[in-house]
mmCIF file of all heavy atoms, coordinates in Angstrom:
data_MODEL
# 
_entry.id   MODEL 
# 
loop_
_atom_site.group_PDB 
_atom_site.id 
_atom_site.type_symbol 
_atom_site.label_atom_id 
_atom_site.label_alt_id 
_atom_site.label_comp_id 
_atom_site.label_asym_id 
_atom_site.label_entity_id 
_atom_site.label_seq_id 
_atom_site.pdbx_PDB_ins_code 
_atom_site.Cartn_x 
_atom_site.Cartn_y 
_atom_site.Cartn_z 
_atom_site.occupancy 
_atom_site.B_iso_or_equiv 
_atom_site.pdbx_formal_charge 
_atom_site.auth_seq_id 
_atom_site.auth_comp_id 
_atom_site.auth_asym_id 
_atom_site.auth_atom_id 
_atom_site.pdbx_PDB_model_num 
ATOM 1   N N   . LYS A 1 1  ? 80.938 16.458 1.769   1.00 0.00 ? 1  LYS A N   1 
ATOM 2   C CA  . LYS A 1 1  ? 79.697 17.207 2.005   1.00 0.00 ? 1  LYS A CA  1 
ATOM 3   C C   . LYS A 1 1  ? 79.988 18.691 2.229   1.00 0.00 ? 1  LYS A C   1 
ATOM 4   O O   . LYS A 1 1  ? 79.236 19.550 1.770   1.00 0.00 ? 1  LYS A O   1 
ATOM 5   C CB  . LYS A 1 1  ? 78.941 16.622 3.192   1.00 0.00 ? 1  LYS A CB  1 
ATOM 6   C CG  . LYS A 1 1  ? 78.289 15.289 2.887   1.00 0.00 ? 1  LYS A CG  1 
ATOM 7   C CD  . LYS A 1 1  ? 77.558 14.746 4.109   1.00 0.00 ? 1  LYS A CD  1 
ATOM 8   C CE  . LYS A 1 1  ? 76.884 13.423 3.812   1.00 0.00 ? 1  LYS A CE  1 
ATOM 9   N NZ  . LYS A 1 1  ? 76.188 12.881 4.993   1.00 0.00 ? 1  LYS A NZ  1 
ATOM 10  N N   . ALA A 1 2  ? 81.063 19.004 2.926   1.00 0.00 ? 2  ALA A N   1 
ATOM 11  C CA  . ALA A 1 2  ? 81.428 20.402 3.170   1.00 0.00 ? 2  ALA A CA  1 
ATOM 12  C C   . ALA A 1 2  ? 81.777 21.101 1.859   1.00 0.00 ? 2  ALA A C   1 
ATOM 13  O O   . ALA A 1 2  ? 81.365 22.252 1.630   1.00 0.00 ? 2  ALA A O   1 
ATOM 14  C CB  . ALA A 1 2  ? 82.597 20.488 4.148   1.00 0.00 ? 2  ALA A CB  1 
ATOM 15  N N   . TRP A 1 3  ? 82.529 20.437 0.997   1.00 0.00 ? 3  TRP A N   1 
ATOM 16  C CA  . TRP A 1 3  ? 82.868 21.026 -0.289  1.00 0.00 ? 3  TRP A CA  1 
ATOM 17  C C   . TRP A 1 3  ? 81.605 21.263 -1.117  1.00 0.00 ? 3  TRP A C   1 
ATOM 18  O O   . TRP A 1 3  ? 81.457 22.296 -1.762  1.00 0.00 ? 3  TRP A O   1 
ATOM 19  C CB  . TRP A 1 3  ? 83.853 20.147 -1.053  1.00 0.00 ? 3  TRP A CB  1 
ATOM 20  C CG  . TRP A 1 3  ? 85.231 20.138 -0.478  1.00 0.00 ? 3  TRP A CG  1 
ATOM 21  C CD1 . TRP A 1 3  ? 85.860 21.146 0.208   1.00 0.00 ? 3  TRP A CD1 1 
ATOM 22  C CD2 . TRP A 1 3  ? 86.161 19.066 -0.541  1.00 0.00 ? 3  TRP A CD2 1 
ATOM 23  N NE1 . TRP A 1 3  ? 87.122 20.750 0.579   1.00 0.00 ? 3  TRP A NE1 1 
ATOM 24  C CE2 . TRP A 1 3  ? 87.341 19.471 0.128   1.00 0.00 ? 3  TRP A CE2 1 
ATOM 25  C CE3 . TRP A 1 3  ? 86.129 17.789 -1.090  1.00 0.00 ? 3  TRP A CE3 1 
ATOM 26  C CZ2 . TRP A 1 3  ? 88.454 18.671 0.257   1.00 0.00 ? 3  TRP A CZ2 1 
ATOM 27  C CZ3 . TRP A 1 3  ? 87.244 16.978 -0.965  1.00 0.00 ? 3  TRP A CZ3 1 
ATOM 28  C CH2 . TRP A 1 3  ? 88.397 17.423 -0.301  1.00 0.00 ? 3  TRP A CH2 1 
ATOM 29  N N   . GLN A 1 4  ? 80.706 20.281 -1.100  1.00 0.00 ? 4  GLN A N   1 
ATOM 30  C CA  . GLN A 1 4  ? 79.467 20.434 -1.855  1.00 0.00 ? 4  GLN A CA  1 
ATOM 31  C C   . GLN A 1 4  ? 78.605 21.559 -1.288  1.00 0.00 ? 4  GLN A C   1 
ATOM 32  O O   . GLN A 1 4  ? 77.998 22.313 -2.042  1.00 0.00 ? 4  GLN A O   1 
ATOM 33  C CB  . GLN A 1 4  ? 78.695 19.108 -1.877  1.00 0.00 ? 4  GLN A CB  1 
ATOM 34  C CG  . GLN A 1 4  ? 79.371 18.058 -2.722  1.00 0.00 ? 4  GLN A CG  1 
ATOM 35  C CD  . GLN A 1 4  ? 78.735 16.680 -2.587  1.00 0.00 ? 4  GLN A CD  1 
ATOM 36  O OE1 . GLN A 1 4  ? 78.238 16.306 -1.519  1.00 0.00 ? 4  GLN A OE1 1 
ATOM 37  N NE2 . GLN A 1 4  ? 78.759 15.917 -3.674  1.00 0.00 ? 4  GLN A NE2 1 
ATOM 38  N N   . ALA A 1 5  ? 78.560 21.684 0.036   1.00 0.00 ? 5  ALA A N   1 
ATOM 39  C CA  . ALA A 1 5  ? 77.789 22.756 0.671   1.00 0.00 ? 5  ALA A CA  1 
ATOM 40  C C   . ALA A 1 5  ? 78.355 24.124 0.303   1.00 0.00 ? 5  ALA A C   1 
ATOM 41  O O   . ALA A 1 5  ? 77.619 25.112 0.245   1.00 0.00 ? 5  ALA A O   1 
ATOM 42  C CB  . ALA A 1 5  ? 77.774 22.574 2.184   1.00 0.00 ? 5  ALA A CB  1 
ATOM 43  N N   . ALA A 1 6  ? 79.664 24.166 0.019   1.00 0.00 ? 6  ALA A N   1 
ATOM 44  C CA  . ALA A 1 6  ? 80.310 25.420 -0.395  1.00 0.00 ? 6  ALA A CA  1 
ATOM 45  C C   . ALA A 1 6  ? 80.123 25.685 -1.893  1.00 0.00 ? 6  ALA A C   1 
ATOM 46  O O   . ALA A 1 6  ? 80.678 26.646 -2.419  1.00 0.00 ? 6  ALA A O   1 
ATOM 47  C CB  . ALA A 1 6  ? 81.794 25.377 -0.041  1.00 0.00 ? 6  ALA A CB  1 
ATOM 48  N N   . GLY A 1 7  ? 79.374 24.818 -2.569  1.00 0.00 ? 7  GLY A N   1 
ATOM 49  C CA  . GLY A 1 7  ? 79.085 25.025 -3.988  1.00 0.00 ? 7  GLY A CA  1 
ATOM 50  C C   . GLY A 1 7  ? 80.036 24.340 -4.948  1.00 0.00 ? 7  GLY A C   1 
ATOM 51  O O   . GLY A 1 7  ? 79.949 24.555 -6.151  1.00 0.00 ? 7  GLY A O   1 
ATOM 52  N N   . GLU A 1 8  ? 80.939 23.519 -4.425  1.00 0.00 ? 8  GLU A N   1 
ATOM 53  C CA  . GLU A 1 8  ? 81.881 22.826 -5.308  1.00 0.00 ? 8  GLU A CA  1 
ATOM 54  C C   . GLU A 1 8  ? 81.253 21.542 -5.849  1.00 0.00 ? 8  GLU A C   1 
ATOM 55  O O   . GLU A 1 8  ? 80.462 20.897 -5.182  1.00 0.00 ? 8  GLU A O   1 
ATOM 56  C CB  . GLU A 1 8  ? 83.165 22.488 -4.548  1.00 0.00 ? 8  GLU A CB  1 
ATOM 57  C CG  . GLU A 1 8  ? 83.945 23.705 -4.131  1.00 0.00 ? 8  GLU A CG  1 
ATOM 58  C CD  . GLU A 1 8  ? 85.281 23.344 -3.514  1.00 0.00 ? 8  GLU A CD  1 
ATOM 59  O OE1 . GLU A 1 8  ? 85.958 22.446 -4.046  1.00 0.00 ? 8  GLU A OE1 1 
ATOM 60  O OE2 . GLU A 1 8  ? 85.631 23.963 -2.495  1.00 0.00 ? 8  GLU A OE2 1 
ATOM 61  N N   . ARG A 1 9  ? 81.630 21.209 -7.079  1.00 0.00 ? 9  ARG A N   1 
ATOM 62  C CA  . ARG A 1 9  ? 81.261 19.921 -7.653  1.00 0.00 ? 9  ARG A CA  1 
ATOM 63  C C   . ARG A 1 9  ? 82.442 18.989 -7.438  1.00 0.00 ? 9  ARG A C   1 
ATOM 64  O O   . ARG A 1 9  ? 83.575 19.341 -7.787  1.00 0.00 ? 9  ARG A O   1 
ATOM 65  C CB  . ARG A 1 9  ? 80.909 20.051 -9.122  1.00 0.00 ? 9  ARG A CB  1 
ATOM 66  C CG  . ARG A 1 9  ? 79.557 20.752 -9.312  1.00 0.00 ? 9  ARG A CG  1 
ATOM 67  C CD  . ARG A 1 9  ? 79.225 20.901 -10.745 1.00 0.00 ? 9  ARG A CD  1 
ATOM 68  N NE  . ARG A 1 9  ? 80.092 21.964 -11.276 1.00 0.00 ? 9  ARG A NE  1 
ATOM 69  C CZ  . ARG A 1 9  ? 80.262 22.223 -12.548 1.00 0.00 ? 9  ARG A CZ  1 
ATOM 70  N NH1 . ARG A 1 9  ? 79.655 21.510 -13.445 1.00 0.00 ? 9  ARG A NH1 1 
ATOM 71  N NH2 . ARG A 1 9  ? 81.053 23.197 -12.930 1.00 0.00 ? 9  ARG A NH2 1 
ATOM 72  N N   . VAL A 1 10 ? 82.166 17.821 -6.904  1.00 0.00 ? 10 VAL A N   1 
ATOM 73  C CA  . VAL A 1 10 ? 83.232 16.912 -6.489  1.00 0.00 ? 10 VAL A CA  1 
ATOM 74  C C   . VAL A 1 10 ? 83.264 15.683 -7.390  1.00 0.00 ? 10 VAL A C   1 
ATOM 75  O O   . VAL A 1 10 ? 82.259 14.994 -7.549  1.00 0.00 ? 10 VAL A O   1 
ATOM 76  C CB  . VAL A 1 10 ? 83.047 16.477 -5.021  1.00 0.00 ? 10 VAL A CB  1 
ATOM 77  C CG1 . VAL A 1 10 ? 84.113 15.480 -4.610  1.00 0.00 ? 10 VAL A CG1 1 
ATOM 78  C CG2 . VAL A 1 10 ? 83.058 17.688 -4.103  1.00 0.00 ? 10 VAL A CG2 1 
ATOM 79  N N   . VAL A 1 11 ? 84.442 15.440 -7.956  1.00 0.00 ? 11 VAL A N   1 
ATOM 80  C CA  . VAL A 1 11 ? 84.708 14.200 -8.669  1.00 0.00 ? 11 VAL A CA  1 
ATOM 81  C C   . VAL A 1 11 ? 85.628 13.394 -7.754  1.00 0.00 ? 11 VAL A C   1 
ATOM 82  O O   . VAL A 1 11 ? 86.696 13.865 -7.384  1.00 0.00 ? 11 VAL A O   1 
ATOM 83  C CB  . VAL A 1 11 ? 85.408 14.444 -10.028 1.00 0.00 ? 11 VAL A CB  1 
ATOM 84  C CG1 . VAL A 1 11 ? 85.746 13.121 -10.706 1.00 0.00 ? 11 VAL A CG1 1 
ATOM 85  C CG2 . VAL A 1 11 ? 84.545 15.304 -10.918 1.00 0.00 ? 11 VAL A CG2 1 
ATOM 86  N N   . MET A 1 12 ? 85.203 12.206 -7.381  1.00 0.00 ? 12 MET A N   1 
ATOM 87  C CA  . MET A 1 12 ? 85.972 11.370 -6.457  1.00 0.00 ? 12 MET A CA  1 
ATOM 88  C C   . MET A 1 12 ? 86.490 10.155 -7.200  1.00 0.00 ? 12 MET A C   1 
ATOM 89  O O   . MET A 1 12 ? 85.748 9.503  -7.926  1.00 0.00 ? 12 MET A O   1 
ATOM 90  C CB  . MET A 1 12 ? 85.067 10.936 -5.297  1.00 0.00 ? 12 MET A CB  1 
ATOM 91  C CG  . MET A 1 12 ? 85.683 9.963  -4.338  1.00 0.00 ? 12 MET A CG  1 
ATOM 92  S SD  . MET A 1 12 ? 87.007 10.723 -3.399  1.00 0.00 ? 12 MET A SD  1 
ATOM 93  C CE  . MET A 1 12 ? 87.574 9.330  -2.465  1.00 0.00 ? 12 MET A CE  1 
ATOM 94  N N   . VAL A 1 13 ? 87.772 9.872  -7.031  1.00 0.00 ? 13 VAL A N   1 
ATOM 95  C CA  . VAL A 1 13 ? 88.371 8.662  -7.587  1.00 0.00 ? 13 VAL A CA  1 
ATOM 96  C C   . VAL A 1 13 ? 88.819 7.822  -6.407  1.00 0.00 ? 13 VAL A C   1 
ATOM 97  O O   . VAL A 1 13 ? 89.564 8.297  -5.543  1.00 0.00 ? 13 VAL A O   1 
ATOM 98  C CB  . VAL A 1 13 ? 89.578 8.990  -8.494  1.00 0.00 ? 13 VAL A CB  1 
ATOM 99  C CG1 . VAL A 1 13 ? 90.196 7.706  -9.044  1.00 0.00 ? 13 VAL A CG1 1 
ATOM 100 C CG2 . VAL A 1 13 ? 89.170 9.923  -9.620  1.00 0.00 ? 13 VAL A CG2 1 
ATOM 101 N N   . GLY A 1 14 ? 88.346 6.593  -6.328  1.00 0.00 ? 14 GLY A N   1 
ATOM 102 C CA  . GLY A 1 14 ? 88.717 5.709  -5.226  1.00 0.00 ? 14 GLY A CA  1 
ATOM 103 C C   . GLY A 1 14 ? 88.531 4.264  -5.615  1.00 0.00 ? 14 GLY A C   1 
ATOM 104 O O   . GLY A 1 14 ? 87.767 3.951  -6.531  1.00 0.00 ? 14 GLY A O   1 
ATOM 105 N N   . ASP A 1 15 ? 89.232 3.378  -4.908  1.00 0.00 ? 15 ASP A N   1 
ATOM 106 C CA  . ASP A 1 15 ? 89.080 1.957  -5.240  1.00 0.00 ? 15 ASP A CA  1 
ATOM 107 C C   . ASP A 1 15 ? 88.988 1.055  -4.017  1.00 0.00 ? 15 ASP A C   1 
ATOM 108 O O   . ASP A 1 15 ? 88.842 -0.146 -4.145  1.00 0.00 ? 15 ASP A O   1 
ATOM 109 C CB  . ASP A 1 15 ? 90.207 1.483  -6.163  1.00 0.00 ? 15 ASP A CB  1 
ATOM 110 C CG  . ASP A 1 15 ? 91.582 1.556  -5.505  1.00 0.00 ? 15 ASP A CG  1 
ATOM 111 O OD1 . ASP A 1 15 ? 91.683 2.060  -4.372  1.00 0.00 ? 15 ASP A OD1 1 
ATOM 112 O OD2 . ASP A 1 15 ? 92.548 1.108  -6.140  1.00 0.00 ? 15 ASP A OD2 1 
ATOM 113 N N   . GLY A 1 16 ? 89.032 1.627  -2.826  1.00 0.00 ? 16 GLY A N   1 
ATOM 114 C CA  . GLY A 1 16 ? 88.942 0.819  -1.614  1.00 0.00 ? 16 GLY A CA  1 
ATOM 115 C C   . GLY A 1 16 ? 87.516 0.705  -1.119  1.00 0.00 ? 16 GLY A C   1 
ATOM 116 O O   . GLY A 1 16 ? 86.688 1.585  -1.359  1.00 0.00 ? 16 GLY A O   1 
ATOM 117 N N   . ILE A 1 17 ? 87.219 -0.366 -0.404  1.00 0.00 ? 17 ILE A N   1 
ATOM 118 C CA  . ILE A 1 17 ? 85.870 -0.564 0.134   1.00 0.00 ? 17 ILE A CA  1 
ATOM 119 C C   . ILE A 1 17 ? 85.488 0.606  1.035   1.00 0.00 ? 17 ILE A C   1 
ATOM 120 O O   . ILE A 1 17 ? 84.338 1.038  1.050   1.00 0.00 ? 17 ILE A O   1 
ATOM 121 C CB  . ILE A 1 17 ? 85.770 -1.910 0.872   1.00 0.00 ? 17 ILE A CB  1 
ATOM 122 C CG1 . ILE A 1 17 ? 85.837 -3.050 -0.140  1.00 0.00 ? 17 ILE A CG1 1 
ATOM 123 C CG2 . ILE A 1 17 ? 84.487 -2.003 1.688   1.00 0.00 ? 17 ILE A CG2 1 
ATOM 124 C CD1 . ILE A 1 17 ? 85.798 -4.429 0.445   1.00 0.00 ? 17 ILE A CD1 1 
ATOM 125 N N   . ASN A 1 18 ? 86.467 1.154  1.755   1.00 0.00 ? 18 ASN A N   1 
ATOM 126 C CA  . ASN A 1 18 ? 86.164 2.289  2.620   1.00 0.00 ? 18 ASN A CA  1 
ATOM 127 C C   . ASN A 1 18 ? 85.825 3.558  1.830   1.00 0.00 ? 18 ASN A C   1 
ATOM 128 O O   . ASN A 1 18 ? 85.361 4.535  2.406   1.00 0.00 ? 18 ASN A O   1 
ATOM 129 C CB  . ASN A 1 18 ? 87.311 2.552  3.601   1.00 0.00 ? 18 ASN A CB  1 
ATOM 130 C CG  . ASN A 1 18 ? 88.595 2.919  2.895   1.00 0.00 ? 18 ASN A CG  1 
ATOM 131 O OD1 . ASN A 1 18 ? 88.737 2.722  1.683   1.00 0.00 ? 18 ASN A OD1 1 
ATOM 132 N ND2 . ASN A 1 18 ? 89.541 3.444  3.635   1.00 0.00 ? 18 ASN A ND2 1 
ATOM 133 N N   . ASP A 1 19 ? 86.034 3.559  0.532   1.00 0.00 ? 19 ASP A N   1 
ATOM 134 C CA  . ASP A 1 19 ? 85.689 4.701  -0.316  1.00 0.00 ? 19 ASP A CA  1 
ATOM 135 C C   . ASP A 1 19 ? 84.240 4.654  -0.800  1.00 0.00 ? 19 ASP A C   1 
ATOM 136 O O   . ASP A 1 19 ? 83.752 5.639  -1.368  1.00 0.00 ? 19 ASP A O   1 
ATOM 137 C CB  . ASP A 1 19 ? 86.605 4.766  -1.546  1.00 0.00 ? 19 ASP A CB  1 
ATOM 138 C CG  . ASP A 1 19 ? 88.034 5.103  -1.192  1.00 0.00 ? 19 ASP A CG  1 
ATOM 139 O OD1 . ASP A 1 19 ? 88.241 5.834  -0.201  1.00 0.00 ? 19 ASP A OD1 1 
ATOM 140 O OD2 . ASP A 1 19 ? 88.950 4.638  -1.898  1.00 0.00 ? 19 ASP A OD2 1 
ATOM 141 N N   . ALA A 1 20 ? 83.543 3.543  -0.588  1.00 0.00 ? 20 ALA A N   1 
ATOM 142 C CA  . ALA A 1 20 ? 82.181 3.385  -1.115  1.00 0.00 ? 20 ALA A CA  1 
ATOM 143 C C   . ALA A 1 20 ? 81.239 4.506  -0.679  1.00 0.00 ? 20 ALA A C   1 
ATOM 144 O O   . ALA A 1 20 ? 80.523 5.063  -1.531  1.00 0.00 ? 20 ALA A O   1 
ATOM 145 C CB  . ALA A 1 20 ? 81.615 2.017  -0.739  1.00 0.00 ? 20 ALA A CB  1 
ATOM 146 N N   . PRO A 1 21 ? 81.194 4.911  0.601   1.00 0.00 ? 21 PRO A N   1 
ATOM 147 C CA  . PRO A 1 21 ? 80.275 5.996  0.969   1.00 0.00 ? 21 PRO A CA  1 
ATOM 148 C C   . PRO A 1 21 ? 80.620 7.328  0.290   1.00 0.00 ? 21 PRO A C   1 
ATOM 149 O O   . PRO A 1 21 ? 79.728 8.086  -0.097  1.00 0.00 ? 21 PRO A O   1 
ATOM 150 C CB  . PRO A 1 21 ? 80.438 6.126  2.488   1.00 0.00 ? 21 PRO A CB  1 
ATOM 151 C CG  . PRO A 1 21 ? 81.085 4.871  2.946   1.00 0.00 ? 21 PRO A CG  1 
ATOM 152 C CD  . PRO A 1 21 ? 81.867 4.350  1.775   1.00 0.00 ? 21 PRO A CD  1 
ATOM 153 N N   . VAL A 1 22 ? 81.903 7.604  0.140   1.00 0.00 ? 22 VAL A N   1 
ATOM 154 C CA  . VAL A 1 22 ? 82.334 8.857  -0.475  1.00 0.00 ? 22 VAL A CA  1 
ATOM 155 C C   . VAL A 1 22 ? 82.029 8.843  -1.973  1.00 0.00 ? 22 VAL A C   1 
ATOM 156 O O   . VAL A 1 22 ? 81.618 9.853  -2.537  1.00 0.00 ? 22 VAL A O   1 
ATOM 157 C CB  . VAL A 1 22 ? 83.834 9.097  -0.218  1.00 0.00 ? 22 VAL A CB  1 
ATOM 158 C CG1 . VAL A 1 22 ? 84.273 10.431 -0.753  1.00 0.00 ? 22 VAL A CG1 1 
ATOM 159 C CG2 . VAL A 1 22 ? 84.134 9.010  1.259   1.00 0.00 ? 22 VAL A CG2 1 
ATOM 160 N N   . LEU A 1 23 ? 82.218 7.699  -2.601  1.00 0.00 ? 23 LEU A N   1 
ATOM 161 C CA  . LEU A 1 23 ? 81.897 7.587  -4.025  1.00 0.00 ? 23 LEU A CA  1 
ATOM 162 C C   . LEU A 1 23 ? 80.402 7.800  -4.251  1.00 0.00 ? 23 LEU A C   1 
ATOM 163 O O   . LEU A 1 23 ? 80.003 8.430  -5.231  1.00 0.00 ? 23 LEU A O   1 
ATOM 164 C CB  . LEU A 1 23 ? 82.330 6.222  -4.565  1.00 0.00 ? 23 LEU A CB  1 
ATOM 165 C CG  . LEU A 1 23 ? 83.841 6.000  -4.659  1.00 0.00 ? 23 LEU A CG  1 
ATOM 166 C CD1 . LEU A 1 23 ? 84.150 4.534  -4.942  1.00 0.00 ? 23 LEU A CD1 1 
ATOM 167 C CD2 . LEU A 1 23 ? 84.462 6.879  -5.722  1.00 0.00 ? 23 LEU A CD2 1 
ATOM 168 N N   . ALA A 1 24 ? 79.587 7.284  -3.332  1.00 0.00 ? 24 ALA A N   1 
ATOM 169 C CA  . ALA A 1 24 ? 78.143 7.470  -3.456  1.00 0.00 ? 24 ALA A CA  1 
ATOM 170 C C   . ALA A 1 24 ? 77.747 8.930  -3.259  1.00 0.00 ? 24 ALA A C   1 
ATOM 171 O O   . ALA A 1 24 ? 76.797 9.406  -3.882  1.00 0.00 ? 24 ALA A O   1 
ATOM 172 C CB  . ALA A 1 24 ? 77.409 6.582  -2.443  1.00 0.00 ? 24 ALA A CB  1 
ATOM 173 N N   . GLN A 1 25 ? 78.464 9.680  -2.430  1.00 0.00 ? 25 GLN A N   1 
ATOM 174 C CA  . GLN A 1 25 ? 78.150 11.075 -2.130  1.00 0.00 ? 25 GLN A CA  1 
ATOM 175 C C   . GLN A 1 25 ? 78.642 12.039 -3.208  1.00 0.00 ? 25 GLN A C   1 
ATOM 176 O O   . GLN A 1 25 ? 78.015 13.065 -3.461  1.00 0.00 ? 25 GLN A O   1 
ATOM 177 C CB  . GLN A 1 25 ? 78.767 11.475 -0.788  1.00 0.00 ? 25 GLN A CB  1 
ATOM 178 C CG  . GLN A 1 25 ? 78.529 12.917 -0.394  1.00 0.00 ? 25 GLN A CG  1 
ATOM 179 C CD  . GLN A 1 25 ? 77.063 13.243 -0.156  1.00 0.00 ? 25 GLN A CD  1 
ATOM 180 O OE1 . GLN A 1 25 ? 76.345 12.437 0.416   1.00 0.00 ? 25 GLN A OE1 1 
ATOM 181 N NE2 . GLN A 1 25 ? 76.621 14.398 -0.619  1.00 0.00 ? 25 GLN A NE2 1 
ATOM 182 N N   . ALA A 1 26 ? 79.744 11.728 -3.848  1.00 0.00 ? 26 ALA A N   1 
ATOM 183 C CA  . ALA A 1 26 ? 80.353 12.645 -4.819  1.00 0.00 ? 26 ALA A CA  1 
ATOM 184 C C   . ALA A 1 26 ? 79.400 12.931 -5.978  1.00 0.00 ? 26 ALA A C   1 
ATOM 185 O O   . ALA A 1 26 ? 78.519 12.128 -6.292  1.00 0.00 ? 26 ALA A O   1 
ATOM 186 C CB  . ALA A 1 26 ? 81.657 12.057 -5.343  1.00 0.00 ? 26 ALA A CB  1 
ATOM 187 N N   . ASP A 1 27 ? 79.587 14.085 -6.599  1.00 0.00 ? 27 ASP A N   1 
ATOM 188 C CA  . ASP A 1 27 ? 78.771 14.428 -7.764  1.00 0.00 ? 27 ASP A CA  1 
ATOM 189 C C   . ASP A 1 27 ? 79.041 13.462 -8.912  1.00 0.00 ? 27 ASP A C   1 
ATOM 190 O O   . ASP A 1 27 ? 78.131 13.075 -9.632  1.00 0.00 ? 27 ASP A O   1 
ATOM 191 C CB  . ASP A 1 27 ? 79.057 15.864 -8.192  1.00 0.00 ? 27 ASP A CB  1 
ATOM 192 C CG  . ASP A 1 27 ? 78.669 16.860 -7.106  1.00 0.00 ? 27 ASP A CG  1 
ATOM 193 O OD1 . ASP A 1 27 ? 77.480 16.910 -6.766  1.00 0.00 ? 27 ASP A OD1 1 
ATOM 194 O OD2 . ASP A 1 27 ? 79.555 17.563 -6.594  1.00 0.00 ? 27 ASP A OD2 1 
# 
């Protein structure tokens, strides 16, 4: 969220269940 607020577009690569919220937030 901080990176996005700074104007960055975020591509997230993840495969763990704990990554689900971050994957949903990423651009």
